[in-house]
Amino acid sequence: MHDRPDVQDCAEELRAVLAAHGITLPSLGIDLPTFAASYPTPPLIALGNCNLPTARALVAALRKGVA
């Protein structure tokens, strides 16, 4: 089993940082199949689908962060 609080904390931190840039990914969360799997790999955080304006806002925020 994986460390549930760590995965949840990371997903929530990502949600908060995106929100600080005005970006909302409604489907952002823990990928349950990988979280519940008995494989030794860590679970995935699902970012979900987004529309074009949200994708462009995400690109702009990431570009600004590396500038």
PDB file of N, CA and C in Angstrom:
ATOM      1  N   MET A   1       0.850  -1.184   0.000  1.00  0.00           N
ATOM      2  CA  MET A   1       0.000   0.000   0.000  1.00  0.00           C
ATOM      3  C   MET A   1       0.889   1.238   0.000  1.00  0.00           C
ATOM      4  N   HIS A   2       0.393   2.282  -0.591  1.00  0.00           N
ATOM      5  CA  HIS A   2       1.166   3.513  -0.709  1.00  0.00           C
ATOM      6  C   HIS A   2       0.790   4.492   0.396  1.00  0.00           C
ATOM      7  N   ASP A   3       1.622   5.499   0.559  1.00  0.00           N
ATOM      8  CA  ASP A   3       1.398   6.509   1.591  1.00  0.00           C
ATOM      9  C   ASP A   3       0.291   7.462   1.148  1.00  0.00           C
ATOM     10  N   ARG A   4      -0.908   7.195   1.591  1.00  0.00           N
ATOM     11  CA  ARG A   4      -2.083   7.971   1.174  1.00  0.00           C
ATOM     12  C   ARG A   4      -1.950   9.464   1.486  1.00  0.00           C
ATOM     13  N   PRO A   5      -1.588   9.855   2.693  1.00  0.00           N
ATOM     14  CA  PRO A   5      -1.493  11.294   2.976  1.00  0.00           C
ATOM     15  C   PRO A   5      -0.506  12.017   2.060  1.00  0.00           C
ATOM     16  N   ASP A   6       0.616  11.397   1.738  1.00  0.00           N
ATOM     17  CA  ASP A   6       1.611  12.033   0.892  1.00  0.00           C
ATOM     18  C   ASP A   6       1.047  12.289  -0.503  1.00  0.00           C
ATOM     19  N   VAL A   7       0.358  11.320  -1.059  1.00  0.00           N
ATOM     20  CA  VAL A   7      -0.220  11.461  -2.392  1.00  0.00           C
ATOM     21  C   VAL A   7      -1.334  12.509  -2.370  1.00  0.00           C
ATOM     22  N   GLN A   8      -2.183  12.451  -1.386  1.00  0.00           N
ATOM     23  CA  GLN A   8      -3.266  13.426  -1.266  1.00  0.00           C
ATOM     24  C   GLN A   8      -2.711  14.835  -1.050  1.00  0.00           C
ATOM     25  N   ASP A   9      -1.718  14.956  -0.198  1.00  0.00           N
ATOM     26  CA  ASP A   9      -1.109  16.259   0.062  1.00  0.00           C
ATOM     27  C   ASP A   9      -0.528  16.857  -1.216  1.00  0.00           C
ATOM     28  N   CYS A  10       0.140  16.031  -1.998  1.00  0.00           N
ATOM     29  CA  CYS A  10       0.745  16.511  -3.238  1.00  0.00           C
ATOM     30  C   CYS A  10      -0.335  16.973  -4.217  1.00  0.00           C
ATOM     31  N   ALA A  11      -1.404  16.211  -4.351  1.00  0.00           N
ATOM     32  CA  ALA A  11      -2.495  16.597  -5.246  1.00  0.00           C
ATOM     33  C   ALA A  11      -3.123  17.914  -4.788  1.00  0.00           C
ATOM     34  N   GLU A  12      -3.323  18.067  -3.503  1.00  0.00           N
ATOM     35  CA  GLU A  12      -3.913  19.303  -2.983  1.00  0.00           C
ATOM     36  C   GLU A  12      -2.970  20.490  -3.142  1.00  0.00           C
ATOM     37  N   GLU A  13      -1.677  20.246  -2.956  1.00  0.00           N
ATOM     38  CA  GLU A  13      -0.689  21.312  -3.145  1.00  0.00           C
ATOM     39  C   GLU A  13      -0.675  21.759  -4.605  1.00  0.00           C
ATOM     40  N   LEU A  14      -0.729  20.801  -5.514  1.00  0.00           N
ATOM     41  CA  LEU A  14      -0.778  21.123  -6.938  1.00  0.00           C
ATOM     42  C   LEU A  14      -2.044  21.906  -7.261  1.00  0.00           C
ATOM     43  N   ARG A  15      -3.180  21.498  -6.707  1.00  0.00           N
ATOM     44  CA  ARG A  15      -4.442  22.202  -6.924  1.00  0.00           C
ATOM     45  C   ARG A  15      -4.330  23.656  -6.435  1.00  0.00           C
ATOM     46  N   ALA A  16      -3.722  23.856  -5.265  1.00  0.00           N
ATOM     47  CA  ALA A  16      -3.582  25.198  -4.693  1.00  0.00           C
ATOM     48  C   ALA A  16      -2.661  26.078  -5.533  1.00  0.00           C
ATOM     49  N   VAL A  17      -1.555  25.528  -5.998  1.00  0.00           N
ATOM     50  CA  VAL A  17      -0.618  26.312  -6.803  1.00  0.00           C
ATOM     51  C   VAL A  17      -1.254  26.687  -8.138  1.00  0.00           C
ATOM     52  N   LEU A  18      -1.965  25.762  -8.751  1.00  0.00           N
ATOM     53  CA  LEU A  18      -2.657  26.077  -9.992  1.00  0.00           C
ATOM     54  C   LEU A  18      -3.710  27.158  -9.760  1.00  0.00           C
ATOM     55  N   ALA A  19      -4.454  27.051  -8.658  1.00  0.00           N
ATOM     56  CA  ALA A  19      -5.483  28.044  -8.332  1.00  0.00           C
ATOM     57  C   ALA A  19      -4.875  29.424  -8.140  1.00  0.00           C
ATOM     58  N   ALA A  20      -3.663  29.478  -7.592  1.00  0.00           N
ATOM     59  CA  ALA A  20      -2.983  30.761  -7.404  1.00  0.00           C
ATOM     60  C   ALA A  20      -2.703  31.442  -8.742  1.00  0.00           C
ATOM     61  N   HIS A  21      -2.667  30.649  -9.808  1.00  0.00           N
ATOM     62  CA  HIS A  21      -2.469  31.176 -11.157  1.00  0.00           C
ATOM     63  C   HIS A  21      -3.790  31.282 -11.909  1.00  0.00           C
ATOM     64  N   GLY A  22      -4.899  31.080 -11.196  1.00  0.00           N
ATOM     65  CA  GLY A  22      -6.210  31.175 -11.825  1.00  0.00           C
ATOM     66  C   GLY A  22      -6.574  29.965 -12.666  1.00  0.00           C
ATOM     67  N   ILE A  23      -5.925  28.840 -12.408  1.00  0.00           N
ATOM     68  CA  ILE A  23      -6.144  27.624 -13.198  1.00  0.00           C
ATOM     69  C   ILE A  23      -6.849  26.578 -12.342  1.00  0.00           C
ATOM     70  N   THR A  24      -7.942  26.033 -12.884  1.00  0.00           N
ATOM     71  CA  THR A  24      -8.670  24.969 -12.198  1.00  0.00           C
ATOM     72  C   THR A  24      -8.732  23.749 -13.103  1.00  0.00           C
ATOM     73  N   LEU A  25      -8.264  22.629 -12.598  1.00  0.00           N
ATOM     74  CA  LEU A  25      -8.401  21.353 -13.296  1.00  0.00           C
ATOM     75  C   LEU A  25      -9.381  20.511 -12.468  1.00  0.00           C
ATOM     76  N   PRO A  26     -10.667  20.505 -12.847  1.00  0.00           N
ATOM     77  CA  PRO A  26     -11.683  19.832 -12.038  1.00  0.00           C
ATOM     78  C   PRO A  26     -11.424  18.340 -11.812  1.00  0.00           C
ATOM     79  N   SER A  27     -10.744  17.702 -12.741  1.00  0.00           N
ATOM     80  CA  SER A  27     -10.505  16.256 -12.615  1.00  0.00           C
ATOM     81  C   SER A  27      -9.210  15.921 -11.884  1.00  0.00           C
ATOM     82  N   LEU A  28      -8.484  16.933 -11.418  1.00  0.00           N
ATOM     83  CA  LEU A  28      -7.224  16.679 -10.735  1.00  0.00           C
ATOM     84  C   LEU A  28      -7.474  15.850  -9.484  1.00  0.00           C
ATOM     85  N   GLY A  29      -6.740  14.778  -9.329  1.00  0.00           N
ATOM     86  CA  GLY A  29      -6.883  13.932  -8.155  1.00  0.00           C
ATOM     87  C   GLY A  29      -5.991  12.712  -8.247  1.00  0.00           C
ATOM     88  N   ILE A  30      -6.145  11.832  -7.311  1.00  0.00           N
ATOM     89  CA  ILE A  30      -5.357  10.607  -7.280  1.00  0.00           C
ATOM     90  C   ILE A  30      -5.934   9.610  -8.274  1.00  0.00           C
ATOM     91  N   ASP A  31      -5.078   9.012  -9.067  1.00  0.00           N
ATOM     92  CA  ASP A  31      -5.495   7.968  -9.997  1.00  0.00           C
ATOM     93  C   ASP A  31      -5.726   6.694  -9.188  1.00  0.00           C
ATOM     94  N   LEU A  32      -6.980   6.382  -8.949  1.00  0.00           N
ATOM     95  CA  LEU A  32      -7.320   5.282  -8.039  1.00  0.00           C
ATOM     96  C   LEU A  32      -6.778   3.916  -8.450  1.00  0.00           C
ATOM     97  N   PRO A  33      -6.789   3.535  -9.740  1.00  0.00           N
ATOM     98  CA  PRO A  33      -6.218   2.223 -10.073  1.00  0.00           C
ATOM     99  C   PRO A  33      -4.746   2.083  -9.689  1.00  0.00           C
ATOM    100  N   THR A  34      -3.950   3.146  -9.899  1.00  0.00           N
ATOM    101  CA  THR A  34      -2.534   3.037  -9.528  1.00  0.00           C
ATOM    102  C   THR A  34      -2.352   3.152  -8.018  1.00  0.00           C
ATOM    103  N   PHE A  35      -3.255   3.865  -7.360  1.00  0.00           N
ATOM    104  CA  PHE A  35      -3.163   4.005  -5.912  1.00  0.00           C
ATOM    105  C   PHE A  35      -3.480   2.690  -5.213  1.00  0.00           C
ATOM    106  N   ALA A  36      -4.470   1.968  -5.729  1.00  0.00           N
ATOM    107  CA  ALA A  36      -4.908   0.721  -5.105  1.00  0.00           C
ATOM    108  C   ALA A  36      -4.096  -0.487  -5.555  1.00  0.00           C
ATOM    109  N   ALA A  37      -3.274  -0.322  -6.570  1.00  0.00           N
ATOM    110  CA  ALA A  37      -2.510  -1.444  -7.115  1.00  0.00           C
ATOM    111  C   ALA A  37      -1.481  -1.951  -6.109  1.00  0.00           C
ATOM    112  N   SER A  38      -1.158  -3.201  -6.244  1.00  0.00           N
ATOM    113  CA  SER A  38      -0.153  -3.798  -5.355  1.00  0.00           C
ATOM    114  C   SER A  38       1.247  -3.725  -5.958  1.00  0.00           C
ATOM    115  N   TYR A  39       1.399  -3.017  -7.073  1.00  0.00           N
ATOM    116  CA  TYR A  39       2.704  -2.858  -7.706  1.00  0.00           C
ATOM    117  C   TYR A  39       3.583  -1.927  -6.867  1.00  0.00           C
ATOM    118  N   PRO A  40       4.895  -2.088  -6.952  1.00  0.00           N
ATOM    119  CA  PRO A  40       5.793  -1.255  -6.144  1.00  0.00           C
ATOM    120  C   PRO A  40       5.945   0.179  -6.657  1.00  0.00           C
ATOM    121  N   THR A  41       5.386   0.492  -7.813  1.00  0.00           N
ATOM    122  CA  THR A  41       5.519   1.853  -8.342  1.00  0.00           C
ATOM    123  C   THR A  41       4.582   2.802  -7.596  1.00  0.00           C
ATOM    124  N   PRO A  42       4.970   4.048  -7.460  1.00  0.00           N
ATOM    125  CA  PRO A  42       4.109   5.005  -6.757  1.00  0.00           C
ATOM    126  C   PRO A  42       2.850   5.312  -7.552  1.00  0.00           C
ATOM    127  N   PRO A  43       1.788   5.705  -6.872  1.00  0.00           N
ATOM    128  CA  PRO A  43       0.549   6.039  -7.580  1.00  0.00           C
ATOM    129  C   PRO A  43       0.717   7.311  -8.405  1.00  0.00           C
ATOM    130  N   LEU A  44      -0.147   7.432  -9.403  1.00  0.00           N
ATOM    131  CA  LEU A  44      -0.128   8.604 -10.265  1.00  0.00           C
ATOM    132  C   LEU A  44      -1.117   9.648  -9.765  1.00  0.00           C
ATOM    133  N   ILE A  45      -0.838  10.895 -10.092  1.00  0.00           N
ATOM    134  CA  ILE A  45      -1.789  11.967  -9.840  1.00  0.00           C
ATOM    135  C   ILE A  45      -2.366  12.324 -11.206  1.00  0.00           C
ATOM    136  N   ALA A  46      -3.671  12.151 -11.341  1.00  0.00           N
ATOM    137  CA  ALA A  46      -4.349  12.410 -12.605  1.00  0.00           C
ATOM    138  C   ALA A  46      -4.644  13.894 -12.732  1.00  0.00           C
ATOM    139  N   LEU A  47      -4.201  14.488 -13.822  1.00  0.00           N
ATOM    140  CA  LEU A  47      -4.466  15.901 -14.056  1.00  0.00           C
ATOM    141  C   LEU A  47      -5.807  16.095 -14.760  1.00  0.00           C
ATOM    142  N   GLY A  48      -6.274  15.093 -15.459  1.00  0.00           N
ATOM    143  CA  GLY A  48      -7.579  15.170 -16.101  1.00  0.00           C
ATOM    144  C   GLY A  48      -7.554  15.971 -17.393  1.00  0.00           C
ATOM    145  N   ASN A  49      -8.728  16.152 -17.923  1.00  0.00           N
ATOM    146  CA  ASN A  49      -8.893  16.902 -19.169  1.00  0.00           C
ATOM    147  C   ASN A  49      -9.116  18.374 -18.868  1.00  0.00           C
ATOM    148  N   CYS A  50      -8.769  19.214 -19.842  1.00  0.00           N
ATOM    149  CA  CYS A  50      -9.061  20.641 -19.694  1.00  0.00           C
ATOM    150  C   CYS A  50      -9.351  21.221 -21.067  1.00  0.00           C
ATOM    151  N   ASN A  51     -10.001  22.363 -21.071  1.00  0.00           N
ATOM    152  CA  ASN A  51     -10.307  23.020 -22.344  1.00  0.00           C
ATOM    153  C   ASN A  51      -9.100  23.828 -22.817  1.00  0.00           C
ATOM    154  N   LEU A  52      -9.204  24.365 -24.020  1.00  0.00           N
ATOM    155  CA  LEU A  52      -8.087  25.094 -24.622  1.00  0.00           C
ATOM    156  C   LEU A  52      -7.667  26.323 -23.815  1.00  0.00           C
ATOM    157  N   PRO A  53      -8.595  27.155 -23.329  1.00  0.00           N
ATOM    158  CA  PRO A  53      -8.160  28.299 -22.524  1.00  0.00           C
ATOM    159  C   PRO A  53      -7.402  27.885 -21.251  1.00  0.00           C
ATOM    160  N   THR A  54      -7.838  26.809 -20.622  1.00  0.00           N
ATOM    161  CA  THR A  54      -7.145  26.328 -19.419  1.00  0.00           C
ATOM    162  C   THR A  54      -5.763  25.807 -19.778  1.00  0.00           C
ATOM    163  N   ALA A  55      -5.652  25.089 -20.875  1.00  0.00           N
ATOM    164  CA  ALA A  55      -4.345  24.586 -21.319  1.00  0.00           C
ATOM    165  C   ALA A  55      -3.399  25.744 -21.625  1.00  0.00           C
ATOM    166  N   ARG A  56      -3.913  26.777 -22.258  1.00  0.00           N
ATOM    167  CA  ARG A  56      -3.068  27.945 -22.567  1.00  0.00           C
ATOM    168  C   ARG A  56      -2.642  28.675 -21.288  1.00  0.00           C
ATOM    169  N   ALA A  57      -3.548  28.766 -20.321  1.00  0.00           N
ATOM    170  CA  ALA A  57      -3.200  29.393 -19.046  1.00  0.00           C
ATOM    171  C   ALA A  57      -2.132  28.580 -18.325  1.00  0.00           C
ATOM    172  N   LEU A  58      -2.224  27.271 -18.403  1.00  0.00           N
ATOM    173  CA  LEU A  58      -1.217  26.390 -17.797  1.00  0.00           C
ATOM    174  C   LEU A  58       0.138  26.578 -18.468  1.00  0.00           C
ATOM    175  N   VAL A  59       0.159  26.629 -19.782  1.00  0.00           N
ATOM    176  CA  VAL A  59       1.400  26.863 -20.522  1.00  0.00           C
ATOM    177  C   VAL A  59       2.011  28.204 -20.129  1.00  0.00           C
ATOM    178  N   ALA A  60       1.179  29.242 -20.057  1.00  0.00           N
ATOM    179  CA  ALA A  60       1.683  30.570 -19.704  1.00  0.00           C
ATOM    180  C   ALA A  60       2.271  30.591 -18.299  1.00  0.00           C
ATOM    181  N   ALA A  61       1.596  29.946 -17.349  1.00  0.00           N
ATOM    182  CA  ALA A  61       2.097  29.906 -15.980  1.00  0.00           C
ATOM    183  C   ALA A  61       3.411  29.148 -15.887  1.00  0.00           C
ATOM    184  N   LEU A  62       3.525  28.054 -16.616  1.00  0.00           N
ATOM    185  CA  LEU A  62       4.765  27.279 -16.588  1.00  0.00           C
ATOM    186  C   LEU A  62       5.909  28.039 -17.258  1.00  0.00           C
ATOM    187  N   ARG A  63       5.615  28.701 -18.354  1.00  0.00           N
ATOM    188  CA  ARG A  63       6.653  29.504 -19.016  1.00  0.00           C
ATOM    189  C   ARG A  63       7.122  30.636 -18.124  1.00  0.00           C
ATOM    190  N   LYS A  64       6.191  31.274 -17.441  1.00  0.00           N
ATOM    191  CA  LYS A  64       6.542  32.368 -16.536  1.00  0.00           C
ATOM    192  C   LYS A  64       7.423  31.869 -15.387  1.00  0.00           C
ATOM    193  N   GLY A  65       7.181  30.647 -14.955  1.00  0.00           N
ATOM    194  CA  GLY A  65       7.938  30.071 -13.846  1.00  0.00           C
ATOM    195  C   GLY A  65       9.383  29.756 -14.199  1.00  0.00           C
ATOM    196  N   VAL A  66       9.687  29.550 -15.470  1.00  0.00           N
ATOM    197  CA  VAL A  66      11.056  29.228 -15.862  1.00  0.00           C
ATOM    198  C   VAL A  66      11.794  30.434 -16.401  1.00  0.00           C
ATOM    199  N   ALA A  67      11.117  31.536 -16.510  1.00  0.00           N
ATOM    200  CA  ALA A  67      11.754  32.748 -17.074  1.00  0.00           C
ATOM    201  C   ALA A  67      12.667  33.412 -16.079  1.00  0.00           C
TER     202      ALA A  67
END
